[in-house]
Every structure is written in structure tokens, then in C-alpha cells.
Protein backbone atom coordinates (compact mmCIF):
# COMPACT_ATOMS: atom_id res chain seq x y z
CA MET A 1 121.49 -15.61 -16.80
CA ILE A 2 120.16 -13.45 -13.99
CA GLY A 3 117.93 -15.32 -11.54
CA LEU A 4 114.42 -14.26 -10.58
CA LYS A 5 115.57 -13.37 -7.07
CA ARG A 6 118.17 -10.95 -8.45
CA ILE A 7 115.62 -9.40 -10.81
CA GLY A 8 113.28 -8.83 -7.85
CA GLU A 9 116.09 -7.20 -5.86
CA MET A 10 116.92 -4.89 -8.76
CA ALA A 11 113.26 -3.94 -9.21
CA ARG A 12 112.88 -3.09 -5.51
CA LEU A 13 116.02 -0.96 -5.58
CA MET A 14 114.73 0.89 -8.65
CA VAL A 15 111.68 2.00 -6.67
CA GLY A 16 113.68 2.82 -3.55
CA GLN A 17 112.99 -0.35 -1.58
CA PRO A 18 116.20 -1.72 0.00
CA PRO A 19 116.44 -5.48 0.61
CA TYR A 20 114.79 -6.67 3.82
CA GLU A 21 117.57 -9.23 4.29
CA ALA A 22 120.19 -6.43 4.28
CA TYR A 23 118.15 -4.62 6.95
CA LEU A 24 118.04 -7.78 9.08
CA ALA A 25 121.82 -8.23 8.75
CA HIS A 26 122.35 -4.59 9.75
CA MET A 27 120.12 -4.98 12.79
CA ARG A 28 121.95 -8.15 13.89
CA GLN A 29 125.34 -6.49 13.52
CA HIS A 30 124.68 -2.98 14.82
CA HIS A 31 121.59 -3.26 17.04
CA PRO A 32 121.50 -6.80 18.48
CA ASP A 33 119.52 -5.58 21.50
CA ARG A 34 116.63 -4.27 19.37
CA ALA A 35 113.94 -6.38 17.72
CA PRO A 36 113.83 -5.86 13.95
CA MET A 37 110.66 -4.76 12.17
CA GLY A 38 108.64 -7.39 10.39
CA ARG A 39 108.72 -7.47 6.57
CA VAL A 40 105.43 -5.54 6.17
CA GLU A 41 106.38 -2.98 8.82
CA PHE A 42 109.78 -2.53 7.12
CA PHE A 43 108.12 -1.98 3.73
CA ARG A 44 105.72 0.59 5.17
CA ASP A 45 108.55 2.34 7.02
CA ARG A 46 110.58 2.65 3.81
CA GLU A 47 107.53 3.92 1.89
CA GLU A 48 106.90 6.51 4.62
CA ALA A 49 110.54 7.60 4.48
CA ARG A 50 110.43 7.90 0.71
CA TYR A 51 107.05 9.58 0.28
CA GLY A 52 106.49 11.18 3.67
CA GLY A 53 102.97 9.83 4.11
CA ARG A 54 101.50 12.05 1.46
CA ASN A 55 98.33 10.11 0.59
CA GLY A 56 100.23 7.03 -0.48
CA GLY A 57 102.69 9.01 -2.58
CA LYS A 58 100.16 11.19 -4.36
CA CYS A 59 100.72 14.94 -4.23
CA CYS A 60 97.03 15.91 -4.46
């Protein structure tokens, strides 16, 4: 049976939200000199990248 954590990961990926833990691992491996974004900042950054700041994703 699929665990709740895995279901949450799948749901986030379905809406274009990559896992924060994967981002942290990437930052540790490729950018150890830079401080990673916090979880909320990361979420907002990904939303901005996906929707471009258009009134929270609304077109009008």
C-alpha cells in the first residue's frame, strides 16, 4: 500500500510542486556555498515560476 507521504509527493508533483527535500539535496550537492530557501520561500518561488505572478494564477 502506498504511504501518505508518497501520496503527498505525488499530489505536489501533479500540481507542479517539486519535493522540497530534493531541492535541499540539490543545493547541498551543487551549491554548498549558498543558503537554501526556506520551505515557504521555496513554495512561493515555484508558484512564481509556474504562474509568473499573474494574480495568484488567475488570468483576469
